[in-house]
Structure formats: C-alpha cells, structure tokens
Amino acid sequence: MRRHYLLIFVLLAIMACSGRRLPDGVLPAKKMIPILVDIHLSEAINNQKFNISLVRDSLPEILYLSVCKKYKIEKSVIEKSLLYYGKHPNEYVPIYDEVLDVLSAMEVKSRNDTLRAARVSGFDLDTSKTKKSPKDAPQKN
C-alpha cells in the first residue's frame, strides 16, 4: 500500500514540475506581451482615424498586418495564440496584466513628455496661453 502512495506522489511531482507545454504554433508569454501591446496601440490608432483624416475600411486590417510584419509572425500564429490563451485564462491574465503595465507606463511617459514640451515652448497647459515674461508682470511702485 505504501508503494502505491509513493508511486502516486512521484507521478504527481513529475507532472507538477513539467508544467503545461504550449501547443505548436502558440507563442510563449514573453513574445505575446509586446505583440498585444502593439495590437492595442493599433486599435487606438484605428479609433482615432477620423481625427487624423484616415477614413479607410481596411485600416484595422492594415494595422493588424503591420504588427505581424514587425514581429515577422504569420497572422494565423497570432490568432492561434490568442485563441489558446483565451481558453486558458489562468495563463492569459498574467500576460494581460503585464500588457496593461506596459501601456500604463507608456501613457505616463507620454504625459510627462507632453508636459515637458509644453513648458519648453512657453505654453500653460491649463489655459493654452503663453506665459508672461518677468518684464510683462505688473510693476510694484
């Protein structure tokens, strides 16, 4: 009886250490993170197409294919990976948390760069008016 428990324990230990192997054609988490970041950025560009005078029905597809080209990955591989991770949320959630962290960091950097540029060019962000120079300030008599 003791041997059965030992055998079961060894089998469970081997299974636990081996972890789940990704199916062929599914990208690992480290490769999925930057791809998902770029997919989200391309979706943001697509949502802004009217603001940047790009009214094309094919724009979402063009942007998506540009992500594939950037990473030299077939569209089918990304789709298969998204399908796989969508069916395995316990693996997808940590990936997506990292994607959100990257996008948040990009947003913070963008805001800081915008603030820095506005200060350099002499505009006040709150009022969009130029800042007064010390010589334009009211004089105390």
C-alpha atoms as a PDB file:
ATOM      1  CA  MET A   1       0.000   0.000   0.000  1.00  0.00           C
ATOM      2  CA  ARG A   2       2.848   2.348   0.813  1.00  0.00           C
ATOM      3  CA  ARG A   3       4.360   1.772  -2.616  1.00  0.00           C
ATOM      4  CA  HIS A   4       1.137   2.934  -4.271  1.00  0.00           C
ATOM      5  CA  TYR A   5       1.243   6.205  -2.362  1.00  0.00           C
ATOM      6  CA  LEU A   6       4.898   6.664  -3.227  1.00  0.00           C
ATOM      7  CA  LEU A   7       4.217   5.964  -6.897  1.00  0.00           C
ATOM      8  CA  ILE A   8       1.308   8.426  -6.953  1.00  0.00           C
ATOM      9  CA  PHE A   9       3.419  11.062  -5.216  1.00  0.00           C
ATOM     10  CA  VAL A  10       6.293  10.632  -7.710  1.00  0.00           C
ATOM     11  CA  LEU A  11       3.917  10.844 -10.677  1.00  0.00           C
ATOM     12  CA  LEU A  12       2.279  13.995  -9.299  1.00  0.00           C
ATOM     13  CA  ALA A  13       5.682  15.556  -8.661  1.00  0.00           C
ATOM     14  CA  ILE A  14       6.803  14.826 -12.207  1.00  0.00           C
ATOM     15  CA  MET A  15       3.584  16.262 -13.638  1.00  0.00           C
ATOM     16  CA  ALA A  16       3.841  19.374 -11.469  1.00  0.00           C
ATOM     17  CA  CYS A  17       7.432  20.046 -12.469  1.00  0.00           C
ATOM     18  CA  SER A  18       6.850  19.554 -16.165  1.00  0.00           C
ATOM     19  CA  GLY A  19       4.121  22.196 -16.291  1.00  0.00           C
ATOM     20  CA  ARG A  20       1.876  22.703 -19.272  1.00  0.00           C
ATOM     21  CA  ARG A  21       3.592  22.686 -22.619  1.00  0.00           C
ATOM     22  CA  LEU A  22       2.277  25.094 -25.209  1.00  0.00           C
ATOM     23  CA  PRO A  23       0.842  23.545 -28.365  1.00  0.00           C
ATOM     24  CA  ASP A  24       2.742  24.007 -31.619  1.00  0.00           C
ATOM     25  CA  GLY A  25       2.128  27.398 -33.174  1.00  0.00           C
ATOM     26  CA  VAL A  26       1.266  29.132 -29.879  1.00  0.00           C
ATOM     27  CA  LEU A  27       3.539  31.968 -28.843  1.00  0.00           C
ATOM     28  CA  PRO A  28       5.020  31.973 -25.323  1.00  0.00           C
ATOM     29  CA  ALA A  29       4.008  34.684 -22.882  1.00  0.00           C
ATOM     30  CA  LYS A  30       7.202  36.719 -23.338  1.00  0.00           C
ATOM     31  CA  LYS A  31       6.515  37.059 -27.062  1.00  0.00           C
ATOM     32  CA  MET A  32       2.786  37.691 -26.623  1.00  0.00           C
ATOM     33  CA  ILE A  33       3.220  40.746 -24.370  1.00  0.00           C
ATOM     34  CA  PRO A  34       4.814  43.113 -26.909  1.00  0.00           C
ATOM     35  CA  ILE A  35       2.530  41.834 -29.665  1.00  0.00           C
ATOM     36  CA  LEU A  36      -0.566  42.536 -27.574  1.00  0.00           C
ATOM     37  CA  VAL A  37       0.778  45.983 -26.684  1.00  0.00           C
ATOM     38  CA  ASP A  38       1.189  46.781 -30.375  1.00  0.00           C
ATOM     39  CA  ILE A  39      -2.246  45.376 -31.204  1.00  0.00           C
ATOM     40  CA  HIS A  40      -3.772  47.693 -28.597  1.00  0.00           C
ATOM     41  CA  LEU A  41      -1.824  50.635 -29.962  1.00  0.00           C
ATOM     42  CA  SER A  42      -3.011  49.836 -33.492  1.00  0.00           C
ATOM     43  CA  GLU A  43      -6.599  49.694 -32.216  1.00  0.00           C
ATOM     44  CA  ALA A  44      -6.102  53.112 -30.649  1.00  0.00           C
ATOM     45  CA  ILE A  45      -4.847  54.448 -33.986  1.00  0.00           C
ATOM     46  CA  ASN A  46      -7.875  52.943 -35.704  1.00  0.00           C
ATOM     47  CA  ASN A  47     -10.187  54.607 -33.174  1.00  0.00           C
ATOM     48  CA  GLN A  48      -8.552  57.954 -33.968  1.00  0.00           C
ATOM     49  CA  LYS A  49      -8.777  57.573 -37.761  1.00  0.00           C
ATOM     50  CA  PHE A  50     -11.344  60.348 -38.117  1.00  0.00           C
ATOM     51  CA  ASN A  51      -9.163  62.720 -36.134  1.00  0.00           C
ATOM     52  CA  ILE A  52      -6.185  62.065 -38.378  1.00  0.00           C
ATOM     53  CA  SER A  53      -8.153  62.118 -41.649  1.00  0.00           C
ATOM     54  CA  LEU A  54      -7.716  58.430 -42.440  1.00  0.00           C
ATOM     55  CA  VAL A  55     -11.122  57.140 -43.405  1.00  0.00           C
ATOM     56  CA  ARG A  56     -10.448  53.654 -44.750  1.00  0.00           C
ATOM     57  CA  ASP A  57     -12.387  50.491 -44.108  1.00  0.00           C
ATOM     58  CA  SER A  58      -9.195  48.476 -44.479  1.00  0.00           C
ATOM     59  CA  LEU A  59      -7.267  50.410 -41.817  1.00  0.00           C
ATOM     60  CA  PRO A  60      -7.814  47.865 -38.987  1.00  0.00           C
ATOM     61  CA  GLU A  61      -6.546  45.051 -41.207  1.00  0.00           C
ATOM     62  CA  ILE A  62      -3.566  47.122 -42.385  1.00  0.00           C
ATOM     63  CA  LEU A  63      -2.631  47.961 -38.801  1.00  0.00           C
ATOM     64  CA  TYR A  64      -3.007  44.343 -37.686  1.00  0.00           C
ATOM     65  CA  LEU A  65      -0.849  43.131 -40.572  1.00  0.00           C
ATOM     66  CA  SER A  66       1.773  45.745 -39.709  1.00  0.00           C
ATOM     67  CA  VAL A  67       2.069  44.154 -36.250  1.00  0.00           C
ATOM     68  CA  CYS A  68       2.534  40.750 -37.909  1.00  0.00           C
ATOM     69  CA  LYS A  69       5.190  42.183 -40.202  1.00  0.00           C
ATOM     70  CA  LYS A  70       7.012  43.924 -37.336  1.00  0.00           C
ATOM     71  CA  TYR A  71       7.393  40.664 -35.421  1.00  0.00           C
ATOM     72  CA  LYS A  72       7.804  38.515 -38.561  1.00  0.00           C
ATOM     73  CA  ILE A  73       4.927  36.302 -37.475  1.00  0.00           C
ATOM     74  CA  GLU A  74       2.095  34.917 -39.563  1.00  0.00           C
ATOM     75  CA  LYS A  75      -1.375  36.215 -38.781  1.00  0.00           C
ATOM     76  CA  SER A  76      -2.528  32.645 -38.129  1.00  0.00           C
ATOM     77  CA  VAL A  77       0.081  32.206 -35.360  1.00  0.00           C
ATOM     78  CA  ILE A  78      -1.152  35.296 -33.517  1.00  0.00           C
ATOM     79  CA  GLU A  79      -4.767  34.201 -33.940  1.00  0.00           C
ATOM     80  CA  LYS A  80      -3.977  30.670 -32.717  1.00  0.00           C
ATOM     81  CA  SER A  81      -2.124  32.115 -29.723  1.00  0.00           C
ATOM     82  CA  LEU A  82      -5.000  34.449 -28.862  1.00  0.00           C
ATOM     83  CA  LEU A  83      -7.445  31.562 -29.133  1.00  0.00           C
ATOM     84  CA  TYR A  84      -5.289  29.345 -26.922  1.00  0.00           C
ATOM     85  CA  TYR A  85      -4.785  31.968 -24.223  1.00  0.00           C
ATOM     86  CA  GLY A  86      -8.460  32.908 -24.393  1.00  0.00           C
ATOM     87  CA  LYS A  87      -9.287  29.315 -23.472  1.00  0.00           C
ATOM     88  CA  HIS A  88      -6.700  29.323 -20.648  1.00  0.00           C
ATOM     89  CA  PRO A  89      -7.399  32.439 -18.587  1.00  0.00           C
ATOM     90  CA  ASN A  90      -5.061  31.336 -15.789  1.00  0.00           C
ATOM     91  CA  GLU A  91      -2.203  31.763 -18.275  1.00  0.00           C
ATOM     92  CA  TYR A  92      -3.695  34.784 -20.056  1.00  0.00           C
ATOM     93  CA  VAL A  93      -4.365  37.000 -17.022  1.00  0.00           C
ATOM     94  CA  PRO A  94      -0.674  37.409 -16.046  1.00  0.00           C
ATOM     95  CA  ILE A  95       0.178  38.184 -19.690  1.00  0.00           C
ATOM     96  CA  TYR A  96      -2.572  40.763 -19.893  1.00  0.00           C
ATOM     97  CA  ASP A  97      -1.573  42.302 -16.558  1.00  0.00           C
ATOM     98  CA  GLU A  98       1.907  42.855 -17.995  1.00  0.00           C
ATOM     99  CA  VAL A  99       0.411  44.344 -21.179  1.00  0.00           C
ATOM    100  CA  LEU A 100      -1.613  46.784 -19.076  1.00  0.00           C
ATOM    101  CA  ASP A 101       1.513  47.700 -17.078  1.00  0.00           C
ATOM    102  CA  VAL A 102       3.418  48.456 -20.293  1.00  0.00           C
ATOM    103  CA  LEU A 103       0.555  50.531 -21.721  1.00  0.00           C
ATOM    104  CA  SER A 104       0.192  52.442 -18.437  1.00  0.00           C
ATOM    105  CA  ALA A 105       3.918  53.195 -18.378  1.00  0.00           C
ATOM    106  CA  MET A 106       3.704  54.415 -21.978  1.00  0.00           C
ATOM    107  CA  GLU A 107       0.794  56.676 -21.056  1.00  0.00           C
ATOM    108  CA  VAL A 108       2.669  58.165 -18.102  1.00  0.00           C
ATOM    109  CA  LYS A 109       5.764  58.744 -20.246  1.00  0.00           C
ATOM    110  CA  SER A 110       3.640  60.353 -22.940  1.00  0.00           C
ATOM    111  CA  ARG A 111       2.007  62.694 -20.432  1.00  0.00           C
ATOM    112  CA  ASN A 112       5.375  63.637 -18.944  1.00  0.00           C
ATOM    113  CA  ASP A 113       6.824  64.290 -22.401  1.00  0.00           C
ATOM    114  CA  THR A 114       3.799  66.432 -23.278  1.00  0.00           C
ATOM    115  CA  LEU A 115       4.139  68.441 -20.094  1.00  0.00           C
ATOM    116  CA  ARG A 116       7.858  68.926 -20.650  1.00  0.00           C
ATOM    117  CA  ALA A 117       7.304  70.056 -24.257  1.00  0.00           C
ATOM    118  CA  ALA A 118       4.586  72.493 -23.194  1.00  0.00           C
ATOM    119  CA  ARG A 119       6.848  74.074 -20.596  1.00  0.00           C
ATOM    120  CA  VAL A 120       9.687  74.405 -23.057  1.00  0.00           C
ATOM    121  CA  SER A 121       7.513  76.038 -25.713  1.00  0.00           C
ATOM    122  CA  GLY A 122       6.155  78.551 -23.180  1.00  0.00           C
ATOM    123  CA  PHE A 123       2.515  77.472 -23.092  1.00  0.00           C
ATOM    124  CA  ASP A 124       0.456  76.994 -19.992  1.00  0.00           C
ATOM    125  CA  LEU A 125      -1.391  73.677 -20.331  1.00  0.00           C
ATOM    126  CA  ASP A 126      -4.386  74.814 -18.287  1.00  0.00           C
ATOM    127  CA  THR A 127      -5.157  77.963 -20.216  1.00  0.00           C
ATOM    128  CA  SER A 128      -3.298  77.420 -23.522  1.00  0.00           C
ATOM    129  CA  LYS A 129      -1.995  80.958 -23.172  1.00  0.00           C
ATOM    130  CA  THR A 130       1.605  81.957 -23.384  1.00  0.00           C
ATOM    131  CA  LYS A 131       3.298  82.581 -20.099  1.00  0.00           C
ATOM    132  CA  LYS A 132       4.121  86.146 -19.256  1.00  0.00           C
ATOM    133  CA  SER A 133       7.742  87.013 -19.058  1.00  0.00           C
ATOM    134  CA  PRO A 134       9.016  88.828 -15.935  1.00  0.00           C
ATOM    135  CA  LYS A 135       9.123  92.124 -17.832  1.00  0.00           C
ATOM    136  CA  ASP A 136       5.381  91.799 -18.641  1.00  0.00           C
ATOM    137  CA  ALA A 137       4.470  91.332 -14.978  1.00  0.00           C
ATOM    138  CA  PRO A 138       2.814  94.262 -13.191  1.00  0.00           C
ATOM    139  CA  GLN A 139       5.336  96.591 -11.628  1.00  0.00           C
ATOM    140  CA  LYS A 140       5.214  97.366  -7.896  1.00  0.00           C
ATOM    141  CA  ASN A 141       5.510 101.081  -7.165  1.00  0.00           C
END
